[in-house]
Amino acid sequence: MVDARDIDFLQPSIVDMVRVGRNNDGGYVVPVEFLDQTRMLIALGVSDDWSFEVDFTSRTRQSCSAVLCDRSAGAWTSFINAVRIWLHPGSMRKATFRRSWSWLTNGVRFLVQVRLRRWEFYRRWVVATASNTRREVELRHLLAQHTIPDATVVKIDIEGSEYEIVEELCRWNRQATPPIGLIIEFHALHTRLSEARSLIDELRGWYEVVHLHGNNYGEVRNGIPDVVEVVLTRRTTRTLPKRTTLPLVELDQPNNPAVDEIQFQW
């Protein structure tokens, strides 16, 4: 059990929640209101798992589309990786074949599950300021092109670059219509705690933290998880009660099912 007083700024308020996406790693617990209100999901970072995006858009009450952004994702990337592995088989032929086949099927799955839905896909890294437009896309461009006012949720899982992107998102929010909700995975929290606190404090101008989940693929150091998933929704005039323990029974699942969940108590 993690004594969560050191991360009191992440203590969530109580709202109705639902699990979306696959079991264990890749699924998220989000407010029910996201499914009621969202018409656009902008996903920054998908790698080889877009189960959340598929499930989320299929369960929304409105016609919801998605925009996916990741330089390491896509059918082309998967097919190239399959060929590279096959051409450099190493010493374990069967294992090599399985890895190559996995990438090949992943590419086909991307074509079927993403391209046939006609979702927009940027094979780019998402940045605040682009220096190479062939490899990077600016967050402001994505938001300007794809935000649907009062109906957009942004998911940010970009392996450490989220601090820069959330800071840029705050600049956007000060000038334009903010997304109605955010799903953010913060990495290296134990070493960037003050930075995360500052960003969440600024986000509170528009949002309220409604969920926190510790990714148990990371470590817990001095009572601080290395990686956490934070969900925020638009602030209301209501004063909401706070949760005192997490995870949520029957909703949260460990990212790594072979390891116990990270428990929080305030």
C-alpha atoms as a PDB file:
ATOM      1  CA  MET A   1       0.000   0.000   0.000  1.00  0.00           C
ATOM      2  CA  VAL A   2       1.424   3.366  -1.086  1.00  0.00           C
ATOM      3  CA  ASP A   3       0.943   6.225   1.382  1.00  0.00           C
ATOM      4  CA  ALA A   4      -0.261   8.701  -1.223  1.00  0.00           C
ATOM      5  CA  ARG A   5       0.191  11.905   0.753  1.00  0.00           C
ATOM      6  CA  ASP A   6       3.238  12.802  -1.348  1.00  0.00           C
ATOM      7  CA  ILE A   7       1.026  12.723  -4.441  1.00  0.00           C
ATOM      8  CA  ASP A   8      -1.990  14.405  -2.883  1.00  0.00           C
ATOM      9  CA  PHE A   9      -2.331  16.559  -6.010  1.00  0.00           C
ATOM     10  CA  LEU A  10      -3.378  13.379  -7.852  1.00  0.00           C
ATOM     11  CA  GLN A  11      -6.108  12.351  -5.392  1.00  0.00           C
ATOM     12  CA  PRO A  12      -9.164  11.838  -7.608  1.00  0.00           C
ATOM     13  CA  SER A  13     -12.685  13.079  -7.160  1.00  0.00           C
ATOM     14  CA  ILE A  14     -15.532  10.569  -7.257  1.00  0.00           C
ATOM     15  CA  VAL A  15     -17.524  10.311 -10.493  1.00  0.00           C
ATOM     16  CA  ASP A  16     -19.111   7.381 -12.323  1.00  0.00           C
ATOM     17  CA  MET A  17     -16.401   5.408 -14.126  1.00  0.00           C
ATOM     18  CA  VAL A  18     -16.248   2.655 -16.737  1.00  0.00           C
ATOM     19  CA  ARG A  19     -13.416   0.495 -18.080  1.00  0.00           C
ATOM     20  CA  VAL A  20     -12.621   0.826 -21.789  1.00  0.00           C
ATOM     21  CA  GLY A  21     -10.165  -1.200 -23.854  1.00  0.00           C
ATOM     22  CA  ARG A  22      -8.644  -4.606 -23.405  1.00  0.00           C
ATOM     23  CA  ASN A  23      -7.854  -6.334 -20.127  1.00  0.00           C
ATOM     24  CA  ASN A  24      -4.682  -5.387 -18.274  1.00  0.00           C
ATOM     25  CA  ASP A  25      -2.193  -3.191 -20.171  1.00  0.00           C
ATOM     26  CA  GLY A  26      -3.860  -0.969 -22.775  1.00  0.00           C
ATOM     27  CA  GLY A  27      -7.219  -0.485 -21.047  1.00  0.00           C
ATOM     28  CA  TYR A  28      -8.204   2.644 -19.112  1.00  0.00           C
ATOM     29  CA  VAL A  29     -10.855   3.543 -16.550  1.00  0.00           C
ATOM     30  CA  VAL A  30     -12.602   6.738 -17.685  1.00  0.00           C
ATOM     31  CA  PRO A  31     -15.679   8.763 -16.703  1.00  0.00           C
ATOM     32  CA  VAL A  32     -18.977   7.511 -18.128  1.00  0.00           C
ATOM     33  CA  GLU A  33     -19.565  11.060 -19.377  1.00  0.00           C
ATOM     34  CA  PHE A  34     -16.701  10.632 -21.868  1.00  0.00           C
ATOM     35  CA  LEU A  35     -18.777   8.013 -23.683  1.00  0.00           C
ATOM     36  CA  ASP A  36     -21.821  10.295 -23.608  1.00  0.00           C
ATOM     37  CA  GLN A  37     -20.138  13.425 -24.937  1.00  0.00           C
ATOM     38  CA  THR A  38     -17.086  12.575 -27.067  1.00  0.00           C
ATOM     39  CA  ARG A  39     -17.129  12.887 -30.857  1.00  0.00           C
ATOM     40  CA  MET A  40     -13.362  12.999 -31.389  1.00  0.00           C
ATOM     41  CA  LEU A  41     -10.589  11.026 -29.664  1.00  0.00           C
ATOM     42  CA  ILE A  42      -7.049  12.268 -30.315  1.00  0.00           C
ATOM     43  CA  ALA A  43      -4.562   9.575 -29.296  1.00  0.00           C
ATOM     44  CA  LEU A  44      -0.934  10.633 -28.928  1.00  0.00           C
ATOM     45  CA  GLY A  45       1.047   7.400 -28.784  1.00  0.00           C
ATOM     46  CA  VAL A  46      -0.445   4.022 -29.696  1.00  0.00           C
ATOM     47  CA  SER A  47       2.545   1.772 -30.528  1.00  0.00           C
ATOM     48  CA  ASP A  48       1.110  -1.640 -31.441  1.00  0.00           C
ATOM     49  CA  ASP A  49      -2.057  -1.432 -29.310  1.00  0.00           C
ATOM     50  CA  TRP A  50      -5.079   0.616 -30.324  1.00  0.00           C
ATOM     51  CA  SER A  51      -7.657  -1.537 -28.529  1.00  0.00           C
ATOM     52  CA  PHE A  52      -8.645   1.388 -26.327  1.00  0.00           C
ATOM     53  CA  GLU A  53      -9.348   3.617 -29.319  1.00  0.00           C
ATOM     54  CA  VAL A  54     -11.405   0.901 -31.055  1.00  0.00           C
ATOM     55  CA  ASP A  55     -13.444   0.120 -27.937  1.00  0.00           C
ATOM     56  CA  PHE A  56     -13.879   3.777 -26.950  1.00  0.00           C
ATOM     57  CA  THR A  57     -15.209   4.922 -30.323  1.00  0.00           C
ATOM     58  CA  SER A  58     -17.530   1.909 -30.623  1.00  0.00           C
ATOM     59  CA  ARG A  59     -19.116   2.625 -27.234  1.00  0.00           C
ATOM     60  CA  THR A  60     -19.695   6.362 -27.503  1.00  0.00           C
ATOM     61  CA  ARG A  61     -23.281   7.525 -27.821  1.00  0.00           C
ATOM     62  CA  GLN A  62     -22.405   9.914 -30.622  1.00  0.00           C
ATOM     63  CA  SER A  63     -20.628   9.265 -33.910  1.00  0.00           C
ATOM     64  CA  CYS A  64     -17.060   9.314 -32.615  1.00  0.00           C
ATOM     65  CA  SER A  65     -13.943   9.299 -34.782  1.00  0.00           C
ATOM     66  CA  ALA A  66     -10.267   9.122 -33.824  1.00  0.00           C
ATOM     67  CA  VAL A  67      -6.907  10.567 -34.765  1.00  0.00           C
ATOM     68  CA  LEU A  68      -3.849   8.397 -34.042  1.00  0.00           C
ATOM     69  CA  CYS A  69      -0.302   9.743 -33.837  1.00  0.00           C
ATOM     70  CA  ASP A  70       2.854   7.667 -33.429  1.00  0.00           C
ATOM     71  CA  ARG A  71       6.068   7.473 -35.442  1.00  0.00           C
ATOM     72  CA  SER A  72       6.567   3.866 -34.288  1.00  0.00           C
ATOM     73  CA  ALA A  73       3.084   2.683 -35.357  1.00  0.00           C
ATOM     74  CA  GLY A  74       1.267   1.931 -38.587  1.00  0.00           C
ATOM     75  CA  ALA A  75       0.994  -0.805 -41.203  1.00  0.00           C
ATOM     76  CA  TRP A  76       4.113   0.319 -43.079  1.00  0.00           C
ATOM     77  CA  THR A  77       6.224   0.245 -39.906  1.00  0.00           C
ATOM     78  CA  SER A  78       4.910  -3.221 -39.013  1.00  0.00           C
ATOM     79  CA  PHE A  79       5.616  -4.657 -42.472  1.00  0.00           C
ATOM     80  CA  ILE A  80       9.147  -3.200 -42.522  1.00  0.00           C
ATOM     81  CA  ASN A  81       9.860  -4.678 -39.089  1.00  0.00           C
ATOM     82  CA  ALA A  82       8.564  -8.076 -40.233  1.00  0.00           C
ATOM     83  CA  VAL A  83      10.940  -8.073 -43.222  1.00  0.00           C
ATOM     84  CA  ARG A  84      13.926  -6.862 -41.209  1.00  0.00           C
ATOM     85  CA  ILE A  85      13.492  -9.593 -38.620  1.00  0.00           C
ATOM     86  CA  TRP A  86      13.112 -12.265 -41.289  1.00  0.00           C
ATOM     87  CA  LEU A  87      16.242 -11.119 -43.154  1.00  0.00           C
ATOM     88  CA  HIS A  88      18.284 -11.215 -39.932  1.00  0.00           C
ATOM     89  CA  PRO A  89      17.021 -14.444 -38.375  1.00  0.00           C
ATOM     90  CA  GLY A  90      19.768 -14.979 -35.785  1.00  0.00           C
ATOM     91  CA  SER A  91      20.082 -18.382 -34.200  1.00  0.00           C
ATOM     92  CA  MET A  92      16.460 -19.219 -33.280  1.00  0.00           C
ATOM     93  CA  ARG A  93      14.557 -19.751 -36.515  1.00  0.00           C
ATOM     94  CA  LYS A  94      11.170 -20.583 -34.953  1.00  0.00           C
ATOM     95  CA  ALA A  95      11.338 -17.636 -32.566  1.00  0.00           C
ATOM     96  CA  THR A  96      12.352 -15.379 -35.450  1.00  0.00           C
ATOM     97  CA  PHE A  97       9.433 -16.593 -37.554  1.00  0.00           C
ATOM     98  CA  ARG A  98       7.012 -15.934 -34.715  1.00  0.00           C
ATOM     99  CA  ARG A  99       8.335 -12.378 -34.233  1.00  0.00           C
ATOM    100  CA  SER A 100       8.173 -11.677 -37.962  1.00  0.00           C
ATOM    101  CA  TRP A 101       4.659 -13.129 -38.203  1.00  0.00           C
ATOM    102  CA  SER A 102       3.558 -11.056 -35.219  1.00  0.00           C
ATOM    103  CA  TRP A 103       4.651  -7.838 -36.938  1.00  0.00           C
ATOM    104  CA  LEU A 104       3.012  -8.920 -40.197  1.00  0.00           C
ATOM    105  CA  THR A 105      -0.345  -9.643 -38.553  1.00  0.00           C
ATOM    106  CA  ASN A 106      -0.047  -6.400 -36.620  1.00  0.00           C
ATOM    107  CA  GLY A 107       0.225  -4.499 -39.902  1.00  0.00           C
ATOM    108  CA  VAL A 108      -2.836  -6.232 -41.313  1.00  0.00           C
ATOM    109  CA  ARG A 109      -4.743  -5.534 -38.104  1.00  0.00           C
ATOM    110  CA  PHE A 110      -3.836  -1.835 -38.402  1.00  0.00           C
ATOM    111  CA  LEU A 111      -5.192  -1.726 -41.955  1.00  0.00           C
ATOM    112  CA  VAL A 112      -8.444  -3.385 -40.916  1.00  0.00           C
ATOM    113  CA  GLN A 113      -9.037  -1.666 -37.573  1.00  0.00           C
ATOM    114  CA  VAL A 114      -7.710   1.829 -38.323  1.00  0.00           C
ATOM    115  CA  ARG A 115      -7.507   2.492 -42.047  1.00  0.00           C
ATOM    116  CA  LEU A 116     -10.868   0.927 -42.934  1.00  0.00           C
ATOM    117  CA  ARG A 117     -12.469   3.174 -40.311  1.00  0.00           C
ATOM    118  CA  ARG A 118     -10.947   6.105 -42.218  1.00  0.00           C
ATOM    119  CA  TRP A 119      -9.349   7.443 -39.070  1.00  0.00           C
ATOM    120  CA  GLU A 120      -6.647  10.049 -39.539  1.00  0.00           C
ATOM    121  CA  PHE A 121      -3.180   8.643 -38.828  1.00  0.00           C
ATOM    122  CA  TYR A 122       0.004  10.678 -38.394  1.00  0.00           C
ATOM    123  CA  ARG A 123       3.160   8.597 -38.578  1.00  0.00           C
ATOM    124  CA  ARG A 124       4.905  11.342 -36.647  1.00  0.00           C
ATOM    125  CA  TRP A 125       6.197  12.141 -33.181  1.00  0.00           C
ATOM    126  CA  VAL A 126       3.999  14.754 -31.495  1.00  0.00           C
ATOM    127  CA  VAL A 127       6.007  17.792 -30.362  1.00  0.00           C
ATOM    128  CA  ALA A 128       5.474  21.367 -29.227  1.00  0.00           C
ATOM    129  CA  THR A 129       7.717  22.826 -31.958  1.00  0.00           C
ATOM    130  CA  ALA A 130       8.594  20.758 -35.030  1.00  0.00           C
ATOM    131  CA  SER A 131      12.099  20.861 -36.492  1.00  0.00           C
ATOM    132  CA  ASN A 132      11.502  18.072 -39.021  1.00  0.00           C
ATOM    133  CA  THR A 133       7.984  17.985 -40.449  1.00  0.00           C
ATOM    134  CA  ARG A 134       8.570  14.581 -42.062  1.00  0.00           C
ATOM    135  CA  ARG A 135       9.031  13.023 -38.628  1.00  0.00           C
ATOM    136  CA  GLU A 136       7.174  15.410 -36.317  1.00  0.00           C
ATOM    137  CA  VAL A 137       3.783  17.069 -36.020  1.00  0.00           C
ATOM    138  CA  GLU A 138       3.007  19.945 -33.676  1.00  0.00           C
ATOM    139  CA  LEU A 139       0.312  19.516 -31.057  1.00  0.00           C
ATOM    140  CA  ARG A 140      -1.254  22.849 -32.001  1.00  0.00           C
ATOM    141  CA  HIS A 141      -1.668  21.641 -35.581  1.00  0.00           C
ATOM    142  CA  LEU A 142      -3.436  18.468 -34.427  1.00  0.00           C
ATOM    143  CA  LEU A 143      -5.778  20.346 -32.131  1.00  0.00           C
ATOM    144  CA  ALA A 144      -6.535  23.059 -34.685  1.00  0.00           C
ATOM    145  CA  GLN A 145      -7.279  20.495 -37.404  1.00  0.00           C
ATOM    146  CA  HIS A 146      -9.226  17.923 -35.440  1.00  0.00           C
ATOM    147  CA  THR A 147     -10.718  19.338 -32.235  1.00  0.00           C
ATOM    148  CA  ILE A 148     -14.509  19.297 -32.084  1.00  0.00           C
ATOM    149  CA  PRO A 149     -15.463  21.939 -29.502  1.00  0.00           C
ATOM    150  CA  ASP A 150     -16.945  20.506 -26.306  1.00  0.00           C
ATOM    151  CA  ALA A 151     -16.622  16.950 -27.663  1.00  0.00           C
ATOM    152  CA  THR A 152     -12.889  16.057 -27.792  1.00  0.00           C
ATOM    153  CA  VAL A 153     -10.837  13.813 -25.499  1.00  0.00           C
ATOM    154  CA  VAL A 154      -7.037  13.638 -25.738  1.00  0.00           C
ATOM    155  CA  LYS A 155      -5.025  10.570 -24.713  1.00  0.00           C
ATOM    156  CA  ILE A 156      -1.289  11.114 -24.105  1.00  0.00           C
ATOM    157  CA  ASP A 157       1.020   8.092 -23.787  1.00  0.00           C
ATOM    158  CA  ILE A 158       4.329   9.183 -25.281  1.00  0.00           C
ATOM    159  CA  GLU A 159       6.964   7.663 -23.013  1.00  0.00           C
ATOM    160  CA  GLY A 160       8.324  10.697 -21.197  1.00  0.00           C
ATOM    161  CA  SER A 161       7.572  13.480 -23.669  1.00  0.00           C
ATOM    162  CA  GLU A 162       4.202  14.110 -21.997  1.00  0.00           C
ATOM    163  CA  TYR A 163       5.602  16.875 -19.781  1.00  0.00           C
ATOM    164  CA  GLU A 164       6.442  19.072 -22.762  1.00  0.00           C
ATOM    165  CA  ILE A 165       3.165  18.211 -24.503  1.00  0.00           C
ATOM    166  CA  VAL A 166       0.971  18.900 -21.464  1.00  0.00           C
ATOM    167  CA  GLU A 167       2.694  22.263 -21.061  1.00  0.00           C
ATOM    168  CA  GLU A 168       1.888  23.007 -24.703  1.00  0.00           C
ATOM    169  CA  LEU A 169      -1.695  21.837 -24.158  1.00  0.00           C
ATOM    170  CA  CYS A 170      -2.055  24.378 -21.348  1.00  0.00           C
ATOM    171  CA  ARG A 171      -0.955  27.105 -23.754  1.00  0.00           C
ATOM    172  CA  TRP A 172      -3.597  25.911 -26.205  1.00  0.00           C
ATOM    173  CA  ASN A 173      -6.286  25.887 -23.516  1.00  0.00           C
ATOM    174  CA  ARG A 174      -5.575  29.510 -22.642  1.00  0.00           C
ATOM    175  CA  GLN A 175      -6.317  30.562 -26.226  1.00  0.00           C
ATOM    176  CA  ALA A 176      -8.866  28.081 -27.571  1.00  0.00           C
ATOM    177  CA  THR A 177     -11.591  25.648 -26.513  1.00  0.00           C
ATOM    178  CA  PRO A 178     -10.034  23.044 -24.197  1.00  0.00           C
ATOM    179  CA  PRO A 179     -10.676  19.321 -24.734  1.00  0.00           C
ATOM    180  CA  ILE A 180     -13.366  17.982 -22.392  1.00  0.00           C
ATOM    181  CA  GLY A 181     -11.067  15.317 -20.991  1.00  0.00           C
ATOM    182  CA  LEU A 182      -7.491  14.076 -20.780  1.00  0.00           C
ATOM    183  CA  ILE A 183      -5.911  10.663 -20.252  1.00  0.00           C
ATOM    184  CA  ILE A 184      -2.225  11.105 -19.444  1.00  0.00           C
ATOM    185  CA  GLU A 185       0.463   8.585 -18.606  1.00  0.00           C
ATOM    186  CA  PHE A 186       3.222  10.268 -16.587  1.00  0.00           C
ATOM    187  CA  HIS A 187       6.617   8.565 -16.646  1.00  0.00           C
ATOM    188  CA  ALA A 188       9.540   8.967 -14.237  1.00  0.00           C
ATOM    189  CA  LEU A 189       7.168  10.494 -11.698  1.00  0.00           C
ATOM    190  CA  HIS A 190       9.533   9.863  -8.788  1.00  0.00           C
ATOM    191  CA  THR A 191      12.215  12.041 -10.420  1.00  0.00           C
ATOM    192  CA  ARG A 192       9.874  14.622 -11.993  1.00  0.00           C
ATOM    193  CA  LEU A 193       7.391  14.941  -9.156  1.00  0.00           C
ATOM    194  CA  SER A 194       7.565  18.726  -8.823  1.00  0.00           C
ATOM    195  CA  GLU A 195       7.163  19.112 -12.585  1.00  0.00           C
ATOM    196  CA  ALA A 196       4.092  16.863 -12.609  1.00  0.00           C
ATOM    197  CA  ARG A 197       2.628  18.725  -9.630  1.00  0.00           C
ATOM    198  CA  SER A 198       3.076  22.064 -11.391  1.00  0.00           C
ATOM    199  CA  LEU A 199       1.387  20.784 -14.558  1.00  0.00           C
ATOM    200  CA  ILE A 200      -1.573  19.283 -12.685  1.00  0.00           C
ATOM    201  CA  ASP A 201      -1.974  22.495 -10.704  1.00  0.00           C
ATOM    202  CA  GLU A 202      -2.208  24.412 -13.971  1.00  0.00           C
ATOM    203  CA  LEU A 203      -4.589  21.884 -15.514  1.00  0.00           C
ATOM    204  CA  ARG A 204      -6.908  22.378 -12.544  1.00  0.00           C
ATOM    205  CA  GLY A 205      -7.884  25.668 -14.124  1.00  0.00           C
ATOM    206  CA  TRP A 206      -9.951  23.598 -16.563  1.00  0.00           C
ATOM    207  CA  TYR A 207     -10.069  20.050 -15.192  1.00  0.00           C
ATOM    208  CA  GLU A 208     -10.485  17.838 -12.171  1.00  0.00           C
ATOM    209  CA  VAL A 209      -8.543  14.624 -11.556  1.00  0.00           C
ATOM    210  CA  VAL A 210     -11.051  11.754 -11.511  1.00  0.00           C
ATOM    211  CA  HIS A 211      -8.819   8.696 -11.678  1.00  0.00           C
ATOM    212  CA  LEU A 212      -5.318   7.512 -10.869  1.00  0.00           C
ATOM    213  CA  HIS A 213      -3.789   4.143 -11.644  1.00  0.00           C
ATOM    214  CA  GLY A 214      -0.263   2.935 -10.984  1.00  0.00           C
ATOM    215  CA  ASN A 215       1.363   1.096 -13.891  1.00  0.00           C
ATOM    216  CA  ASN A 216       2.999  -1.882 -12.179  1.00  0.00           C
ATOM    217  CA  TYR A 217       5.474  -2.417 -15.007  1.00  0.00           C
ATOM    218  CA  GLY A 218       7.286   0.458 -13.298  1.00  0.00           C
ATOM    219  CA  GLU A 219       8.806   0.502  -9.829  1.00  0.00           C
ATOM    220  CA  VAL A 220       7.672   2.230  -6.664  1.00  0.00           C
ATOM    221  CA  ARG A 221      10.551   4.270  -5.210  1.00  0.00           C
ATOM    222  CA  ASN A 222      10.308   6.003  -1.851  1.00  0.00           C
ATOM    223  CA  GLY A 223       6.544   5.632  -2.018  1.00  0.00           C
ATOM    224  CA  ILE A 224       6.275   7.202  -5.497  1.00  0.00           C
ATOM    225  CA  PRO A 225       5.274   5.048  -8.498  1.00  0.00           C
ATOM    226  CA  ASP A 226       7.521   5.381 -11.520  1.00  0.00           C
ATOM    227  CA  VAL A 227       4.577   5.456 -13.978  1.00  0.00           C
ATOM    228  CA  VAL A 228       0.982   6.555 -13.335  1.00  0.00           C
ATOM    229  CA  GLU A 229      -2.103   6.931 -15.506  1.00  0.00           C
ATOM    230  CA  VAL A 230      -4.094  10.081 -14.713  1.00  0.00           C
ATOM    231  CA  VAL A 231      -7.583  10.877 -16.021  1.00  0.00           C
ATOM    232  CA  LEU A 232      -9.005  14.405 -15.914  1.00  0.00           C
ATOM    233  CA  THR A 233     -12.423  15.723 -16.864  1.00  0.00           C
ATOM    234  CA  ARG A 234     -13.854  19.237 -17.130  1.00  0.00           C
ATOM    235  CA  ARG A 235     -14.402  21.064 -13.875  1.00  0.00           C
ATOM    236  CA  THR A 236     -17.934  21.682 -12.716  1.00  0.00           C
ATOM    237  CA  THR A 237     -19.377  24.014 -10.106  1.00  0.00           C
ATOM    238  CA  ARG A 238     -20.104  21.011  -7.871  1.00  0.00           C
ATOM    239  CA  THR A 239     -17.807  20.115  -4.998  1.00  0.00           C
ATOM    240  CA  LEU A 240     -17.081  16.413  -5.427  1.00  0.00           C
ATOM    241  CA  PRO A 241     -15.991  14.043  -2.641  1.00  0.00           C
ATOM    242  CA  LYS A 242     -12.530  12.480  -2.912  1.00  0.00           C
ATOM    243  CA  ARG A 243     -11.531   8.840  -3.129  1.00  0.00           C
ATOM    244  CA  THR A 244      -9.426   7.582  -0.249  1.00  0.00           C
ATOM    245  CA  THR A 245      -8.265   4.273  -1.720  1.00  0.00           C
ATOM    246  CA  LEU A 246      -7.402   2.897  -5.163  1.00  0.00           C
ATOM    247  CA  PRO A 247      -7.531   0.825  -7.347  1.00  0.00           C
ATOM    248  CA  LEU A 248     -11.223   0.494  -8.114  1.00  0.00           C
ATOM    249  CA  VAL A 249     -12.495  -3.043  -7.606  1.00  0.00           C
ATOM    250  CA  GLU A 250     -13.916  -4.636 -10.784  1.00  0.00           C
ATOM    251  CA  LEU A 251     -12.696  -1.731 -12.946  1.00  0.00           C
ATOM    252  CA  ASP A 252      -8.945  -1.351 -12.551  1.00  0.00           C
ATOM    253  CA  GLN A 253      -6.672  -4.178 -13.655  1.00  0.00           C
ATOM    254  CA  PRO A 254      -2.909  -4.534 -13.245  1.00  0.00           C
ATOM    255  CA  ASN A 255      -0.948  -3.638 -16.367  1.00  0.00           C
ATOM    256  CA  ASN A 256       1.244  -6.641 -15.605  1.00  0.00           C
ATOM    257  CA  PRO A 257      -1.073  -9.438 -14.404  1.00  0.00           C
ATOM    258  CA  ALA A 258       1.866 -11.347 -12.923  1.00  0.00           C
ATOM    259  CA  VAL A 259       2.498  -8.571 -10.374  1.00  0.00           C
ATOM    260  CA  ASP A 260       0.219  -7.187  -7.649  1.00  0.00           C
ATOM    261  CA  GLU A 261      -1.590  -3.905  -8.263  1.00  0.00           C
ATOM    262  CA  ILE A 262      -0.138  -0.707  -6.818  1.00  0.00           C
ATOM    263  CA  GLN A 263      -2.438   0.267  -3.929  1.00  0.00           C
ATOM    264  CA  PHE A 264      -3.003   3.904  -2.947  1.00  0.00           C
ATOM    265  CA  GLN A 265      -4.346   5.288   0.318  1.00  0.00           C
ATOM    266  CA  TRP A 266      -4.914   8.921   1.313  1.00  0.00           C
END
